[in-house]
Amino acid sequence: MRTDRTFTMLKPDSVEKGNIGPILEKISGAGFRIVAMKLTQMTTADAEAFYAVHCERPFFGELVRYMTRGPIVAAVLEKENAVNDFRTLIGATNPADAAEGTIRNMFADSISENAVHGSDSDENAEIESQFHFAGREIF
């Protein structure tokens, strides 16, 4: 299992507000190398499968609607200690609790529209990367 790669998505709110460039600059400035990236839109089936772990949660339907309302930017990032360093860079899920200067502190509006996704483990980084990218798309 690679520990130097993680997966991220810039969520529909980030794309809608034109924050792709500024967020990618923060990611690059923190020493991450982009090894795969694409602008795409999740279908309802995609979002339900990607977030299946939350299917019993009361917010599941709202999450699926949010993630399918517009394009996302999916990316695989590389850096030593990628998962943990990226989780630190994006900040707490609730932007009100996110540390100053983190992506969610700077770009998220609420806990439900929190700008960006970051894998929570090396295992999930691999699963999530494979969900969005074919092996030949990752460099």
Protein backbone atom coordinates (compact mmCIF):
# COMPACT_ATOMS: atom_id res chain seq x y z
CA MET A 1 0.00 0.00 0.00
CA ARG A 2 1.40 3.39 -1.01
CA THR A 3 1.67 5.90 1.80
CA ASP A 4 2.84 8.71 -0.44
CA ARG A 5 -0.44 9.22 -2.33
CA THR A 6 -3.88 10.50 -1.44
CA PHE A 7 -7.11 11.28 -3.24
CA THR A 8 -9.01 14.56 -3.26
CA MET A 9 -12.09 16.05 -4.84
CA LEU A 10 -12.81 19.72 -5.18
CA LYS A 11 -16.52 19.61 -4.57
CA PRO A 12 -19.27 21.30 -6.62
CA ASP A 13 -19.29 24.42 -4.43
CA SER A 14 -15.58 24.98 -5.07
CA VAL A 15 -16.05 24.63 -8.82
CA GLU A 16 -19.17 26.86 -8.84
CA LYS A 17 -17.38 29.65 -6.96
CA GLY A 18 -14.35 29.56 -9.25
CA ASN A 19 -11.99 28.33 -6.55
CA ILE A 20 -10.25 25.59 -8.54
CA GLY A 21 -7.13 27.68 -9.17
CA PRO A 22 -6.68 29.05 -5.64
CA ILE A 23 -7.24 25.62 -4.06
CA LEU A 24 -4.79 23.93 -6.45
CA GLU A 25 -2.25 26.66 -5.62
CA LYS A 26 -2.61 25.85 -1.89
CA ILE A 27 -2.16 22.15 -2.64
CA SER A 28 0.89 22.73 -4.80
CA GLY A 29 2.32 25.25 -2.35
CA ALA A 30 2.10 22.62 0.40
CA GLY A 31 4.43 20.37 -1.61
CA PHE A 32 1.93 18.01 -3.22
CA ARG A 33 2.50 16.83 -6.77
CA ILE A 34 -0.60 16.17 -8.89
CA VAL A 35 -0.25 12.74 -10.51
CA ALA A 36 -3.80 12.57 -11.93
CA MET A 37 -6.55 15.16 -12.31
CA LYS A 38 -9.80 15.65 -14.19
CA LEU A 39 -12.94 17.75 -14.25
CA THR A 40 -15.92 15.42 -14.22
CA GLN A 41 -19.45 15.13 -12.92
CA MET A 42 -20.64 12.33 -10.69
CA THR A 43 -23.91 10.58 -11.52
CA THR A 44 -26.34 9.70 -8.75
CA ALA A 45 -25.12 6.09 -8.95
CA ASP A 46 -21.49 7.28 -8.71
CA ALA A 47 -22.18 9.41 -5.63
CA GLU A 48 -24.21 6.66 -3.95
CA ALA A 49 -21.39 4.18 -4.54
CA PHE A 50 -18.60 6.56 -3.50
CA TYR A 51 -20.39 7.52 -0.27
CA ALA A 52 -21.94 4.08 0.40
CA VAL A 53 -20.34 4.05 3.85
CA HIS A 54 -22.79 6.84 4.78
CA CYS A 55 -25.93 5.25 3.25
CA GLU A 56 -27.65 4.79 6.63
CA ARG A 57 -26.89 8.33 7.80
CA PRO A 58 -29.69 10.92 7.73
CA PHE A 59 -27.64 13.27 5.52
CA PHE A 60 -26.99 10.67 2.77
CA GLY A 61 -29.64 11.93 0.32
CA GLU A 62 -28.54 15.53 0.76
CA LEU A 63 -24.90 14.51 0.25
CA VAL A 64 -25.71 12.67 -2.99
CA ARG A 65 -27.74 15.64 -4.32
CA TYR A 66 -24.92 18.04 -3.43
CA MET A 67 -22.19 15.93 -5.04
CA THR A 68 -24.18 15.50 -8.28
CA ARG A 69 -25.37 19.09 -8.74
CA GLY A 70 -22.32 20.13 -10.73
CA PRO A 71 -18.80 19.24 -11.79
CA ILE A 72 -16.03 18.21 -9.42
CA VAL A 73 -12.27 18.10 -9.82
CA ALA A 74 -10.90 14.67 -8.89
CA ALA A 75 -7.17 14.37 -8.26
CA VAL A 76 -4.51 12.02 -6.97
CA LEU A 77 -1.77 13.76 -5.04
CA GLU A 78 1.72 12.59 -4.15
CA LYS A 79 3.90 13.60 -1.23
CA GLU A 80 5.58 11.83 1.65
CA ASN A 81 2.95 11.23 4.38
CA ALA A 82 0.30 12.33 1.86
CA VAL A 83 -2.89 11.29 3.66
CA ASN A 84 -2.06 12.88 7.01
CA ASP A 85 -0.47 16.00 5.53
CA PHE A 86 -3.44 16.56 3.23
CA ARG A 87 -5.94 16.11 6.06
CA THR A 88 -4.03 18.79 7.96
CA LEU A 89 -4.03 21.08 4.90
CA ILE A 90 -7.79 20.82 4.34
CA GLY A 91 -8.76 21.31 7.99
CA ALA A 92 -11.74 20.14 10.00
CA THR A 93 -14.91 18.99 8.21
CA ASN A 94 -16.80 21.89 9.75
CA PRO A 95 -15.15 25.05 8.41
CA ALA A 96 -16.08 26.86 11.63
CA ASP A 97 -13.67 24.49 13.41
CA ALA A 98 -11.00 24.49 10.69
CA ALA A 99 -7.64 26.02 11.55
CA GLU A 100 -6.71 29.40 10.07
CA GLY A 101 -5.24 29.09 6.59
CA THR A 102 -6.62 25.62 5.87
CA ILE A 103 -8.56 25.02 2.66
CA ARG A 104 -11.89 24.60 4.44
CA ASN A 105 -11.26 27.66 6.60
CA MET A 106 -10.62 29.71 3.47
CA PHE A 107 -13.05 28.24 0.93
CA ALA A 108 -15.88 26.30 2.64
CA ASP A 109 -19.22 27.78 3.64
CA SER A 110 -20.67 25.08 5.89
CA ILE A 111 -20.25 21.53 7.17
CA SER A 112 -22.41 20.28 4.29
CA GLU A 113 -20.67 22.38 1.60
CA ASN A 114 -17.11 22.04 2.78
CA ALA A 115 -15.20 22.65 -0.47
CA VAL A 116 -12.98 19.57 -0.65
CA HIS A 117 -12.73 15.87 0.11
CA GLY A 118 -9.58 14.18 1.37
CA SER A 119 -9.02 10.46 1.92
CA ASP A 120 -8.92 9.44 5.58
CA SER A 121 -6.53 6.49 5.24
CA ASP A 122 -3.98 5.01 2.86
CA GLU A 123 -6.43 2.20 2.08
CA ASN A 124 -9.25 4.60 1.22
CA ALA A 125 -6.89 6.77 -0.82
CA GLU A 126 -6.18 3.76 -3.02
CA ILE A 127 -9.86 2.76 -3.27
CA GLU A 128 -11.03 6.30 -4.01
CA SER A 129 -8.27 6.89 -6.58
CA GLN A 130 -9.23 3.69 -8.40
CA PHE A 131 -12.91 4.72 -8.27
CA HIS A 132 -12.19 7.87 -10.28
CA PHE A 133 -9.15 6.93 -12.37
CA ALA A 134 -8.01 4.03 -14.51
CA GLY A 135 -4.45 2.93 -13.74
CA ARG A 136 -3.20 4.40 -17.02
CA GLU A 137 -4.50 7.84 -15.95
CA ILE A 138 -2.26 8.06 -12.88
CA PHE A 139 1.37 9.04 -13.42
